[in-house]
Amino acid sequence: MKRRNFLNTSALAGLGLAAGASPANVDPNAGNNCRGTFSMNDNEASIYTDARVRPTKIFHITDTHLSLDDERGAPYQEFSKRMAAAYTSNKHFQTDEALSAEESFERTLETAQKGKADFLALTGDIFSFPSEAAVEWARTKLEATGIPFAYVAGNHDWHYEGMQGGSRELRDTWTVQHLAPMYRGNAPLYAAYDLNGIRFVCIDNSTYEILPEQLAFFREQTEVELPLLLLMHIPLYVPGRTMGFGCGHPDWGEKTDRNYEIERREKWRKEGHTQVTMEFCQAVFNAPNLLAILAGHTHQQSLDIKNGIPQLVSRENACGYYTEVTVTSITG
């Protein structure tokens, strides 16, 4: 398949390998607000909806930073060495026990199985760099759980530090060459997965920006009859938040880019965000059928509410953290 087609084809075909998942019908008269209330306690969140959905338990996993590698990664060690040394030893978020990123990921999946999770939402930086060995290992572990999952990339997943090229070019290249197994044939930049009456919408904003086709795709999702959960890596800007909430931040751009040297990459866009990116942020927080946003990137747990829509940001899974999100219908 040609790279352009692979990256830009809409994936509205259900969960692929997952049984019981299917695409939803579009209702041109849909648009009623389906949001109920929500609550959060430690790493557990409950979301209630007026829509008729089956009770669904979701494990939100982000920022594991796996760095497994083998001989296939030898040609890229110049570009992976810094991140290969990161997150090799972490303290568990509950016990302070020392453990590797791989142990954190395995334990989280075991907990999801024991807890009878219905869905795994992986929102980026699962990998510290695009290692084929790490991708194969993670895909095998995920498949072994038997739990449907969706993956959207983070800024580290496709980034070899110091490699020549712009962010969009590098993302396209390493998505096709190394990350592709994580998508199971579905489109990586924007996709939708249906389960239990809920639509999980994935939008890759790992370059901090949104493409016109991604905006068009999201707008289509706001017209369907199902309640949505939006999965992204970089959280959307909410007034008062720092540059970590860098998608839609009004000050995002070349002047505020502090990490381009250590990450050995191009600077952020001189002119700041594109109009498309800003329109996307507006569309998200005006979506009548959006229950919540699940994101990562900041390595800090947070909850923000804008226009009644909660944005749940999870801590890094490198320390074993995950958020258990339960969606329940209040209509009976």
C-alpha atoms as a PDB file:
ATOM      1  CA  MET A   1       0.000   0.000   0.000  1.00  0.00           C
ATOM      2  CA  LYS A   2       1.310   3.440  -0.845  1.00  0.00           C
ATOM      3  CA  ARG A   3       2.313   5.514   2.178  1.00  0.00           C
ATOM      4  CA  ARG A   4      -0.070   8.370   1.347  1.00  0.00           C
ATOM      5  CA  ASN A   5      -3.044   6.035   1.181  1.00  0.00           C
ATOM      6  CA  PHE A   6      -1.980   4.164   4.308  1.00  0.00           C
ATOM      7  CA  LEU A   7      -1.743   7.321   6.375  1.00  0.00           C
ATOM      8  CA  ASN A   8      -4.866   9.084   5.165  1.00  0.00           C
ATOM      9  CA  THR A   9      -7.487   6.347   4.765  1.00  0.00           C
ATOM     10  CA  SER A  10     -10.336   6.588   7.269  1.00  0.00           C
ATOM     11  CA  ALA A  11     -10.643   3.576   9.568  1.00  0.00           C
ATOM     12  CA  LEU A  12     -14.332   3.344  10.329  1.00  0.00           C
ATOM     13  CA  ALA A  13     -14.469  -0.421  10.210  1.00  0.00           C
ATOM     14  CA  GLY A  14     -14.910  -1.325  13.844  1.00  0.00           C
ATOM     15  CA  LEU A  15     -12.225  -2.996  15.877  1.00  0.00           C
ATOM     16  CA  GLY A  16     -10.712  -5.166  13.181  1.00  0.00           C
ATOM     17  CA  LEU A  17      -9.660  -8.261  15.095  1.00  0.00           C
ATOM     18  CA  ALA A  18     -12.003  -7.614  17.993  1.00  0.00           C
ATOM     19  CA  ALA A  19     -15.208  -9.608  18.096  1.00  0.00           C
ATOM     20  CA  GLY A  20     -18.469  -7.800  18.661  1.00  0.00           C
ATOM     21  CA  ALA A  21     -17.335  -4.394  17.437  1.00  0.00           C
ATOM     22  CA  SER A  22     -18.903  -2.742  14.428  1.00  0.00           C
ATOM     23  CA  PRO A  23     -19.258   0.612  12.688  1.00  0.00           C
ATOM     24  CA  ALA A  24     -22.138   2.879  13.660  1.00  0.00           C
ATOM     25  CA  ASN A  25     -24.824   4.317  11.453  1.00  0.00           C
ATOM     26  CA  VAL A  26     -24.846   8.048  10.869  1.00  0.00           C
ATOM     27  CA  ASP A  27     -27.992   9.796  12.047  1.00  0.00           C
ATOM     28  CA  PRO A  28     -28.418  13.167  10.316  1.00  0.00           C
ATOM     29  CA  ASN A  29     -30.767  14.270  13.099  1.00  0.00           C
ATOM     30  CA  ALA A  30     -28.358  13.353  15.901  1.00  0.00           C
ATOM     31  CA  GLY A  31     -26.620  15.979  17.975  1.00  0.00           C
ATOM     32  CA  ASN A  32     -28.442  16.007  21.300  1.00  0.00           C
ATOM     33  CA  ASN A  33     -26.154  16.339  24.254  1.00  0.00           C
ATOM     34  CA  CYS A  34     -25.702  12.836  25.686  1.00  0.00           C
ATOM     35  CA  ARG A  35     -23.468  13.793  28.606  1.00  0.00           C
ATOM     36  CA  GLY A  36     -24.421  13.029  32.162  1.00  0.00           C
ATOM     37  CA  THR A  37     -22.193  13.494  35.183  1.00  0.00           C
ATOM     38  CA  PHE A  38     -18.704  12.215  35.916  1.00  0.00           C
ATOM     39  CA  SER A  39     -16.482  11.653  38.921  1.00  0.00           C
ATOM     40  CA  MET A  40     -12.895  10.728  39.674  1.00  0.00           C
ATOM     41  CA  ASN A  41     -11.148   9.129  42.647  1.00  0.00           C
ATOM     42  CA  ASP A  42      -7.407   8.453  42.504  1.00  0.00           C
ATOM     43  CA  ASN A  43      -6.905   6.612  39.201  1.00  0.00           C
ATOM     44  CA  GLU A  44     -10.540   5.626  38.714  1.00  0.00           C
ATOM     45  CA  ALA A  45     -13.007   7.702  36.693  1.00  0.00           C
ATOM     46  CA  SER A  46     -16.734   7.195  36.170  1.00  0.00           C
ATOM     47  CA  ILE A  47     -18.561   8.722  33.226  1.00  0.00           C
ATOM     48  CA  TYR A  48     -22.346   8.628  32.938  1.00  0.00           C
ATOM     49  CA  THR A  49     -24.298   9.162  29.740  1.00  0.00           C
ATOM     50  CA  ASP A  50     -27.917   9.577  28.682  1.00  0.00           C
ATOM     51  CA  ALA A  51     -27.161   7.379  25.670  1.00  0.00           C
ATOM     52  CA  ARG A  52     -27.993   3.687  25.781  1.00  0.00           C
ATOM     53  CA  VAL A  53     -24.629   1.969  26.191  1.00  0.00           C
ATOM     54  CA  ARG A  54     -23.515  -1.228  27.832  1.00  0.00           C
ATOM     55  CA  PRO A  55     -21.410  -0.713  30.977  1.00  0.00           C
ATOM     56  CA  THR A  56     -17.847  -0.480  29.679  1.00  0.00           C
ATOM     57  CA  LYS A  57     -14.555  -0.591  31.581  1.00  0.00           C
ATOM     58  CA  ILE A  58     -11.634   1.095  29.827  1.00  0.00           C
ATOM     59  CA  PHE A  59      -7.990   1.005  30.834  1.00  0.00           C
ATOM     60  CA  HIS A  60      -6.311   4.211  29.697  1.00  0.00           C
ATOM     61  CA  ILE A  61      -2.581   3.571  29.197  1.00  0.00           C
ATOM     62  CA  THR A  62      -0.128   6.231  28.055  1.00  0.00           C
ATOM     63  CA  ASP A  63       3.579   7.092  28.127  1.00  0.00           C
ATOM     64  CA  THR A  64       5.029   3.661  28.926  1.00  0.00           C
ATOM     65  CA  HIS A  65       8.259   4.552  27.068  1.00  0.00           C
ATOM     66  CA  LEU A  66       9.303   1.044  26.115  1.00  0.00           C
ATOM     67  CA  SER A  67      12.860   0.941  24.776  1.00  0.00           C
ATOM     68  CA  LEU A  68      13.420  -2.733  23.965  1.00  0.00           C
ATOM     69  CA  ASP A  69      15.701  -3.052  20.939  1.00  0.00           C
ATOM     70  CA  ASP A  70      17.666  -5.645  18.986  1.00  0.00           C
ATOM     71  CA  GLU A  71      20.056  -5.863  16.048  1.00  0.00           C
ATOM     72  CA  ARG A  72      17.501  -4.232  13.757  1.00  0.00           C
ATOM     73  CA  GLY A  73      17.890  -1.042  15.770  1.00  0.00           C
ATOM     74  CA  ALA A  74      21.684  -0.976  15.524  1.00  0.00           C
ATOM     75  CA  PRO A  75      21.723   1.390  12.491  1.00  0.00           C
ATOM     76  CA  TYR A  76      19.679   3.921  14.473  1.00  0.00           C
ATOM     77  CA  GLN A  77      21.527   3.904  17.802  1.00  0.00           C
ATOM     78  CA  GLU A  78      22.939   7.361  17.118  1.00  0.00           C
ATOM     79  CA  PHE A  79      19.357   8.614  17.175  1.00  0.00           C
ATOM     80  CA  SER A  80      17.925   6.414  19.950  1.00  0.00           C
ATOM     81  CA  LYS A  81      20.653   6.391  22.596  1.00  0.00           C
ATOM     82  CA  ARG A  82      19.276   9.143  24.862  1.00  0.00           C
ATOM     83  CA  MET A  83      15.748   7.759  25.052  1.00  0.00           C
ATOM     84  CA  ALA A  84      17.033   4.173  25.211  1.00  0.00           C
ATOM     85  CA  ALA A  85      18.587   5.065  28.555  1.00  0.00           C
ATOM     86  CA  ALA A  86      15.450   6.737  29.886  1.00  0.00           C
ATOM     87  CA  TYR A  87      12.735   5.008  31.948  1.00  0.00           C
ATOM     88  CA  THR A  88      14.815   1.880  32.494  1.00  0.00           C
ATOM     89  CA  SER A  89      14.118   2.028  36.232  1.00  0.00           C
ATOM     90  CA  ASN A  90      10.962   3.540  37.692  1.00  0.00           C
ATOM     91  CA  LYS A  91       9.090   3.621  40.991  1.00  0.00           C
ATOM     92  CA  HIS A  92       5.627   2.117  41.008  1.00  0.00           C
ATOM     93  CA  PHE A  93       3.035   4.839  41.585  1.00  0.00           C
ATOM     94  CA  GLN A  94       1.427   2.963  44.477  1.00  0.00           C
ATOM     95  CA  THR A  95       4.196   0.912  46.100  1.00  0.00           C
ATOM     96  CA  ASP A  96       7.430   2.774  45.209  1.00  0.00           C
ATOM     97  CA  GLU A  97       8.758  -0.598  44.077  1.00  0.00           C
ATOM     98  CA  ALA A  98      11.489  -0.350  41.422  1.00  0.00           C
ATOM     99  CA  LEU A  99      10.449  -1.735  38.059  1.00  0.00           C
ATOM    100  CA  SER A 100      11.225  -1.377  34.372  1.00  0.00           C
ATOM    101  CA  ALA A 101       8.896   0.084  31.762  1.00  0.00           C
ATOM    102  CA  GLU A 102       8.340  -3.430  30.408  1.00  0.00           C
ATOM    103  CA  GLU A 103       7.327  -4.718  33.854  1.00  0.00           C
ATOM    104  CA  SER A 104       4.969  -1.760  34.256  1.00  0.00           C
ATOM    105  CA  PHE A 105       3.276  -2.515  30.939  1.00  0.00           C
ATOM    106  CA  GLU A 106       2.940  -6.229  31.672  1.00  0.00           C
ATOM    107  CA  ARG A 107       1.508  -5.643  35.147  1.00  0.00           C
ATOM    108  CA  THR A 108      -0.997  -3.127  33.792  1.00  0.00           C
ATOM    109  CA  LEU A 109      -2.209  -5.606  31.202  1.00  0.00           C
ATOM    110  CA  GLU A 110      -2.468  -8.313  33.842  1.00  0.00           C
ATOM    111  CA  THR A 111      -4.538  -5.963  36.007  1.00  0.00           C
ATOM    112  CA  ALA A 112      -6.771  -5.173  33.028  1.00  0.00           C
ATOM    113  CA  GLN A 113      -7.353  -8.893  32.430  1.00  0.00           C
ATOM    114  CA  LYS A 114      -8.109  -9.623  36.081  1.00  0.00           C
ATOM    115  CA  GLY A 115     -10.394  -6.602  36.208  1.00  0.00           C
ATOM    116  CA  LYS A 116     -12.237  -7.772  33.073  1.00  0.00           C
ATOM    117  CA  ALA A 117     -11.538  -4.608  31.123  1.00  0.00           C
ATOM    118  CA  ASP A 118     -13.533  -4.212  27.921  1.00  0.00           C
ATOM    119  CA  PHE A 119     -11.139  -1.917  26.076  1.00  0.00           C
ATOM    120  CA  LEU A 120      -7.544  -0.663  26.201  1.00  0.00           C
ATOM    121  CA  ALA A 121      -7.001   2.960  25.155  1.00  0.00           C
ATOM    122  CA  LEU A 122      -3.328   3.583  24.352  1.00  0.00           C
ATOM    123  CA  THR A 123      -2.644   7.284  23.868  1.00  0.00           C
ATOM    124  CA  GLY A 124       0.944   7.550  22.748  1.00  0.00           C
ATOM    125  CA  ASP A 125       4.573   7.402  23.795  1.00  0.00           C
ATOM    126  CA  ILE A 126       4.126   3.715  24.439  1.00  0.00           C
ATOM    127  CA  PHE A 127       7.594   3.623  22.868  1.00  0.00           C
ATOM    128  CA  SER A 128      10.579   5.880  23.509  1.00  0.00           C
ATOM    129  CA  PHE A 129      11.566   5.621  19.841  1.00  0.00           C
ATOM    130  CA  PRO A 130      10.272   3.532  16.914  1.00  0.00           C
ATOM    131  CA  SER A 131      11.960   0.249  17.788  1.00  0.00           C
ATOM    132  CA  GLU A 132      10.710  -2.738  15.804  1.00  0.00           C
ATOM    133  CA  ALA A 133      11.551  -5.036  18.705  1.00  0.00           C
ATOM    134  CA  ALA A 134       9.496  -2.949  21.143  1.00  0.00           C
ATOM    135  CA  VAL A 135       6.560  -2.708  18.746  1.00  0.00           C
ATOM    136  CA  GLU A 136       6.509  -6.472  18.204  1.00  0.00           C
ATOM    137  CA  TRP A 137       6.803  -7.141  21.943  1.00  0.00           C
ATOM    138  CA  ALA A 138       3.984  -4.739  22.836  1.00  0.00           C
ATOM    139  CA  ARG A 139       1.708  -5.991  20.069  1.00  0.00           C
ATOM    140  CA  THR A 140       2.213  -9.588  21.233  1.00  0.00           C
ATOM    141  CA  LYS A 141       1.435  -8.681  24.849  1.00  0.00           C
ATOM    142  CA  LEU A 142      -1.679  -6.752  23.824  1.00  0.00           C
ATOM    143  CA  GLU A 143      -3.001  -9.532  21.601  1.00  0.00           C
ATOM    144  CA  ALA A 144      -2.450 -12.074  24.384  1.00  0.00           C
ATOM    145  CA  THR A 145      -4.888 -10.223  26.652  1.00  0.00           C
ATOM    146  CA  GLY A 146      -7.778 -10.807  24.245  1.00  0.00           C
ATOM    147  CA  ILE A 147      -8.968  -7.260  25.036  1.00  0.00           C
ATOM    148  CA  PRO A 148      -9.777  -4.931  22.117  1.00  0.00           C
ATOM    149  CA  PHE A 149      -7.425  -1.969  21.940  1.00  0.00           C
ATOM    150  CA  ALA A 150      -6.785   1.228  20.036  1.00  0.00           C
ATOM    151  CA  TYR A 151      -3.456   3.009  19.697  1.00  0.00           C
ATOM    152  CA  VAL A 152      -2.640   6.574  18.745  1.00  0.00           C
ATOM    153  CA  ALA A 153       0.970   7.749  18.478  1.00  0.00           C
ATOM    154  CA  GLY A 154       2.832  10.176  20.700  1.00  0.00           C
ATOM    155  CA  ASN A 155       5.695  12.464  19.771  1.00  0.00           C
ATOM    156  CA  HIS A 156       8.360   9.975  20.927  1.00  0.00           C
ATOM    157  CA  ASP A 157       6.849   6.922  19.233  1.00  0.00           C
ATOM    158  CA  TRP A 158       8.050   7.922  15.754  1.00  0.00           C
ATOM    159  CA  HIS A 159      10.975  10.199  16.678  1.00  0.00           C
ATOM    160  CA  TYR A 160      14.617   9.241  16.223  1.00  0.00           C
ATOM    161  CA  GLU A 161      16.398  12.190  17.828  1.00  0.00           C
ATOM    162  CA  GLY A 162      18.696  14.074  15.491  1.00  0.00           C
ATOM    163  CA  MET A 163      17.474  12.355  12.349  1.00  0.00           C
ATOM    164  CA  GLN A 164      17.118  14.746   9.456  1.00  0.00           C
ATOM    165  CA  GLY A 165      13.608  15.671   8.397  1.00  0.00           C
ATOM    166  CA  GLY A 166      10.516  17.511   9.545  1.00  0.00           C
ATOM    167  CA  SER A 167       8.084  16.091  12.081  1.00  0.00           C
ATOM    168  CA  ARG A 168       5.367  15.220   9.560  1.00  0.00           C
ATOM    169  CA  GLU A 169       7.864  13.530   7.245  1.00  0.00           C
ATOM    170  CA  LEU A 170       9.425  11.502  10.059  1.00  0.00           C
ATOM    171  CA  ARG A 171       6.040  10.542  11.465  1.00  0.00           C
ATOM    172  CA  ASP A 172       4.920   9.309   8.047  1.00  0.00           C
ATOM    173  CA  THR A 173       8.148   7.378   7.491  1.00  0.00           C
ATOM    174  CA  TRP A 174       8.349   5.527  10.808  1.00  0.00           C
ATOM    175  CA  THR A 175       4.619   4.944  11.070  1.00  0.00           C
ATOM    176  CA  VAL A 176       4.823   2.949   7.854  1.00  0.00           C
ATOM    177  CA  GLN A 177       8.173   1.266   8.474  1.00  0.00           C
ATOM    178  CA  HIS A 178       7.991   0.391  12.193  1.00  0.00           C
ATOM    179  CA  LEU A 179       4.754   1.388  13.976  1.00  0.00           C
ATOM    180  CA  ALA A 180       2.277  -0.076  11.456  1.00  0.00           C
ATOM    181  CA  PRO A 181       1.565  -3.326  13.406  1.00  0.00           C
ATOM    182  CA  MET A 182       0.032  -1.304  16.234  1.00  0.00           C
ATOM    183  CA  TYR A 183      -2.774  -0.097  13.954  1.00  0.00           C
ATOM    184  CA  ARG A 184      -3.768  -3.551  12.644  1.00  0.00           C
ATOM    185  CA  GLY A 185      -4.538  -2.198   9.188  1.00  0.00           C
ATOM    186  CA  ASN A 186      -6.495   0.822  10.406  1.00  0.00           C
ATOM    187  CA  ALA A 187      -5.525   4.382   9.559  1.00  0.00           C
ATOM    188  CA  PRO A 188      -3.001   5.887  11.995  1.00  0.00           C
ATOM    189  CA  LEU A 189      -3.850   9.585  11.741  1.00  0.00           C
ATOM    190  CA  TYR A 190      -7.572   9.313  12.386  1.00  0.00           C
ATOM    191  CA  ALA A 191      -9.782   6.319  13.105  1.00  0.00           C
ATOM    192  CA  ALA A 192     -12.942   5.276  14.931  1.00  0.00           C
ATOM    193  CA  TYR A 193     -13.647   2.072  16.846  1.00  0.00           C
ATOM    194  CA  ASP A 194     -17.086   1.065  18.128  1.00  0.00           C
ATOM    195  CA  LEU A 195     -17.775  -1.045  21.192  1.00  0.00           C
ATOM    196  CA  ASN A 196     -20.820  -1.415  23.472  1.00  0.00           C
ATOM    197  CA  GLY A 197     -22.546   1.585  21.932  1.00  0.00           C
ATOM    198  CA  ILE A 198     -19.531   3.867  22.412  1.00  0.00           C
ATOM    199  CA  ARG A 199     -17.357   5.262  19.643  1.00  0.00           C
ATOM    200  CA  PHE A 200     -13.647   5.656  20.397  1.00  0.00           C
ATOM    201  CA  VAL A 201     -12.206   8.346  18.127  1.00  0.00           C
ATOM    202  CA  CYS A 202      -8.430   8.443  17.647  1.00  0.00           C
ATOM    203  CA  ILE A 203      -6.758  11.619  16.396  1.00  0.00           C
ATOM    204  CA  ASP A 204      -2.963  11.710  16.085  1.00  0.00           C
ATOM    205  CA  ASN A 205      -1.818  15.144  17.265  1.00  0.00           C
ATOM    206  CA  SER A 206       1.739  14.037  18.045  1.00  0.00           C
ATOM    207  CA  THR A 207       3.184  16.891  15.955  1.00  0.00           C
ATOM    208  CA  TYR A 208       1.068  19.290  18.082  1.00  0.00           C
ATOM    209  CA  GLU A 209      -0.909  20.145  14.946  1.00  0.00           C
ATOM    210  CA  ILE A 210      -4.077  18.922  13.228  1.00  0.00           C
ATOM    211  CA  LEU A 211      -4.404  18.283   9.491  1.00  0.00           C
ATOM    212  CA  PRO A 212      -7.476  19.358   7.472  1.00  0.00           C
ATOM    213  CA  GLU A 213      -8.514  15.746   6.861  1.00  0.00           C
ATOM    214  CA  GLN A 214      -8.385  15.054  10.609  1.00  0.00           C
ATOM    215  CA  LEU A 215     -10.619  18.034  11.333  1.00  0.00           C
ATOM    216  CA  ALA A 216     -13.087  16.910   8.664  1.00  0.00           C
ATOM    217  CA  PHE A 217     -13.100  13.388  10.114  1.00  0.00           C
ATOM    218  CA  PHE A 218     -13.756  14.603  13.646  1.00  0.00           C
ATOM    219  CA  ARG A 219     -16.600  16.820  12.505  1.00  0.00           C
ATOM    220  CA  GLU A 220     -18.199  13.778  10.897  1.00  0.00           C
ATOM    221  CA  GLN A 221     -18.054  11.984  14.248  1.00  0.00           C
ATOM    222  CA  THR A 222     -19.971  14.759  15.973  1.00  0.00           C
ATOM    223  CA  GLU A 223     -22.956  13.949  13.737  1.00  0.00           C
ATOM    224  CA  VAL A 224     -23.272  10.264  14.594  1.00  0.00           C
ATOM    225  CA  GLU A 225     -25.762   8.826  17.054  1.00  0.00           C
ATOM    226  CA  LEU A 226     -23.146   7.378  19.394  1.00  0.00           C
ATOM    227  CA  PRO A 227     -21.430   9.012  22.379  1.00  0.00           C
ATOM    228  CA  LEU A 228     -17.725   9.621  21.763  1.00  0.00           C
ATOM    229  CA  LEU A 229     -14.511   9.228  23.699  1.00  0.00           C
ATOM    230  CA  LEU A 230     -11.621  11.122  22.074  1.00  0.00           C
ATOM    231  CA  LEU A 231      -8.139   9.571  22.305  1.00  0.00           C
ATOM    232  CA  MET A 232      -5.096  11.808  21.696  1.00  0.00           C
ATOM    233  CA  HIS A 233      -1.565  12.078  23.003  1.00  0.00           C
ATOM    234  CA  ILE A 234      -1.132  15.800  23.611  1.00  0.00           C
ATOM    235  CA  PRO A 235      -3.909  17.347  25.711  1.00  0.00           C
ATOM    236  CA  LEU A 236      -5.854  20.283  24.348  1.00  0.00           C
ATOM    237  CA  TYR A 237      -5.208  23.689  25.809  1.00  0.00           C
ATOM    238  CA  VAL A 238      -7.483  24.757  28.636  1.00  0.00           C
ATOM    239  CA  PRO A 239      -7.126  28.343  29.960  1.00  0.00           C
ATOM    240  CA  GLY A 240      -4.510  28.528  32.682  1.00  0.00           C
ATOM    241  CA  ARG A 241      -2.622  25.436  31.579  1.00  0.00           C
ATOM    242  CA  THR A 242       1.062  25.367  30.654  1.00  0.00           C
ATOM    243  CA  MET A 243       2.710  24.480  27.355  1.00  0.00           C
ATOM    244  CA  GLY A 244       2.378  20.793  28.214  1.00  0.00           C
ATOM    245  CA  PHE A 245      -1.198  21.256  27.039  1.00  0.00           C
ATOM    246  CA  GLY A 246       0.326  22.232  23.745  1.00  0.00           C
ATOM    247  CA  CYS A 247      -2.366  21.419  21.216  1.00  0.00           C
ATOM    248  CA  GLY A 248      -4.186  24.706  20.763  1.00  0.00           C
ATOM    249  CA  HIS A 249      -2.114  26.689  23.271  1.00  0.00           C
ATOM    250  CA  PRO A 250      -2.189  30.332  22.114  1.00  0.00           C
ATOM    251  CA  ASP A 251       1.528  30.794  22.859  1.00  0.00           C
ATOM    252  CA  TRP A 252       2.695  27.581  21.171  1.00  0.00           C
ATOM    253  CA  GLY A 253       5.409  28.196  18.594  1.00  0.00           C
ATOM    254  CA  GLU A 254       9.093  28.788  17.982  1.00  0.00           C
ATOM    255  CA  LYS A 255       9.519  31.330  20.802  1.00  0.00           C
ATOM    256  CA  THR A 256       8.190  28.967  23.472  1.00  0.00           C
ATOM    257  CA  ASP A 257       9.910  25.773  22.291  1.00  0.00           C
ATOM    258  CA  ARG A 258      12.312  24.882  25.110  1.00  0.00           C
ATOM    259  CA  ASN A 259      13.167  21.269  24.246  1.00  0.00           C
ATOM    260  CA  TYR A 260      14.109  21.253  20.569  1.00  0.00           C
ATOM    261  CA  GLU A 261      17.834  21.093  21.332  1.00  0.00           C
ATOM    262  CA  ILE A 262      17.745  18.205  23.811  1.00  0.00           C
ATOM    263  CA  GLU A 263      15.267  16.314  21.613  1.00  0.00           C
ATOM    264  CA  ARG A 264      17.329  17.184  18.519  1.00  0.00           C
ATOM    265  CA  ARG A 265      14.404  18.116  16.309  1.00  0.00           C
ATOM    266  CA  GLU A 266      13.080  21.019  14.306  1.00  0.00           C
ATOM    267  CA  LYS A 267      11.638  23.957  16.212  1.00  0.00           C
ATOM    268  CA  TRP A 268       7.925  24.364  16.507  1.00  0.00           C
ATOM    269  CA  ARG A 269       6.210  26.408  13.837  1.00  0.00           C
ATOM    270  CA  LYS A 270       7.313  30.058  13.858  1.00  0.00           C
ATOM    271  CA  GLU A 271       3.814  31.352  13.140  1.00  0.00           C
ATOM    272  CA  GLY A 272       2.244  29.311  15.934  1.00  0.00           C
ATOM    273  CA  HIS A 273      -0.681  26.986  15.422  1.00  0.00           C
ATOM    274  CA  THR A 274      -2.433  26.658  12.102  1.00  0.00           C
ATOM    275  CA  GLN A 275      -6.017  27.831  11.807  1.00  0.00           C
ATOM    276  CA  VAL A 276      -7.053  24.216  11.286  1.00  0.00           C
ATOM    277  CA  THR A 277      -5.597  23.236  14.669  1.00  0.00           C
ATOM    278  CA  MET A 278      -7.455  26.033  16.424  1.00  0.00           C
ATOM    279  CA  GLU A 279     -10.703  25.113  14.636  1.00  0.00           C
ATOM    280  CA  PHE A 280     -10.236  21.519  15.755  1.00  0.00           C
ATOM    281  CA  CYS A 281      -9.913  22.535  19.403  1.00  0.00           C
ATOM    282  CA  GLN A 282     -13.082  24.579  19.105  1.00  0.00           C
ATOM    283  CA  ALA A 283     -14.908  21.703  17.416  1.00  0.00           C
ATOM    284  CA  VAL A 284     -13.880  19.291  20.185  1.00  0.00           C
ATOM    285  CA  PHE A 285     -15.145  21.412  23.036  1.00  0.00           C
ATOM    286  CA  ASN A 286     -18.381  22.100  21.162  1.00  0.00           C
ATOM    287  CA  ALA A 287     -19.061  18.457  20.256  1.00  0.00           C
ATOM    288  CA  PRO A 288     -22.515  17.564  21.643  1.00  0.00           C
ATOM    289  CA  ASN A 289     -21.847  13.819  21.778  1.00  0.00           C
ATOM    290  CA  LEU A 290     -18.345  13.917  23.289  1.00  0.00           C
ATOM    291  CA  LEU A 291     -18.219  12.304  26.743  1.00  0.00           C
ATOM    292  CA  ALA A 292     -14.544  12.918  27.507  1.00  0.00           C
ATOM    293  CA  ILE A 293     -11.015  13.369  26.177  1.00  0.00           C
ATOM    294  CA  LEU A 294      -8.295  10.884  27.190  1.00  0.00           C
ATOM    295  CA  ALA A 295      -4.707  12.143  26.776  1.00  0.00           C
ATOM    296  CA  GLY A 296      -1.181  11.795  28.147  1.00  0.00           C
ATOM    297  CA  HIS A 297       2.127  13.517  27.375  1.00  0.00           C
ATOM    298  CA  THR A 298       2.495  15.608  30.546  1.00  0.00           C
ATOM    299  CA  HIS A 299       3.374  12.682  32.866  1.00  0.00           C
ATOM    300  CA  GLN A 300       1.019  14.208  35.432  1.00  0.00           C
ATOM    301  CA  GLN A 301      -2.519  13.242  36.355  1.00  0.00           C
ATOM    302  CA  SER A 302      -4.988  16.045  35.740  1.00  0.00           C
ATOM    303  CA  LEU A 303      -8.646  16.764  35.137  1.00  0.00           C
ATOM    304  CA  ASP A 304      -9.963  19.850  33.356  1.00  0.00           C
ATOM    305  CA  ILE A 305     -13.511  20.666  32.353  1.00  0.00           C
ATOM    306  CA  LYS A 306     -14.446  22.951  29.465  1.00  0.00           C
ATOM    307  CA  ASN A 307     -17.998  23.399  28.180  1.00  0.00           C
ATOM    308  CA  GLY A 308     -18.967  20.477  30.409  1.00  0.00           C
ATOM    309  CA  ILE A 309     -16.463  18.151  28.725  1.00  0.00           C
ATOM    310  CA  PRO A 310     -13.843  16.523  30.985  1.00  0.00           C
ATOM    311  CA  GLN A 311     -10.288  16.104  29.754  1.00  0.00           C
ATOM    312  CA  LEU A 312      -8.581  13.285  31.679  1.00  0.00           C
ATOM    313  CA  VAL A 313      -4.792  13.255  31.453  1.00  0.00           C
ATOM    314  CA  SER A 314      -3.062  10.171  32.831  1.00  0.00           C
ATOM    315  CA  ARG A 315       0.360   9.863  34.400  1.00  0.00           C
ATOM    316  CA  GLU A 316       3.082   7.874  32.677  1.00  0.00           C
ATOM    317  CA  ASN A 317       2.544   4.121  32.554  1.00  0.00           C
ATOM    318  CA  ALA A 318       6.320   3.726  32.951  1.00  0.00           C
ATOM    319  CA  CYS A 319       5.594   3.879  36.684  1.00  0.00           C
ATOM    320  CA  GLY A 320       2.701   1.429  36.374  1.00  0.00           C
ATOM    321  CA  TYR A 321       0.015   4.120  36.282  1.00  0.00           C
ATOM    322  CA  TYR A 322      -3.209   3.696  34.360  1.00  0.00           C
ATOM    323  CA  THR A 323      -6.659   5.247  34.608  1.00  0.00           C
ATOM    324  CA  GLU A 324      -9.614   2.907  34.905  1.00  0.00           C
ATOM    325  CA  VAL A 325     -12.512   4.642  33.167  1.00  0.00           C
ATOM    326  CA  THR A 326     -16.024   3.227  33.454  1.00  0.00           C
ATOM    327  CA  VAL A 327     -18.803   4.423  31.162  1.00  0.00           C
ATOM    328  CA  THR A 328     -22.361   3.745  32.327  1.00  0.00           C
ATOM    329  CA  SER A 329     -25.781   4.568  30.927  1.00  0.00           C
ATOM    330  CA  ILE A 330     -28.196   6.381  33.266  1.00  0.00           C
ATOM    331  CA  THR A 331     -31.210   5.701  31.054  1.00  0.00           C
ATOM    332  CA  GLY A 332     -31.677   2.162  32.331  1.00  0.00           C
END
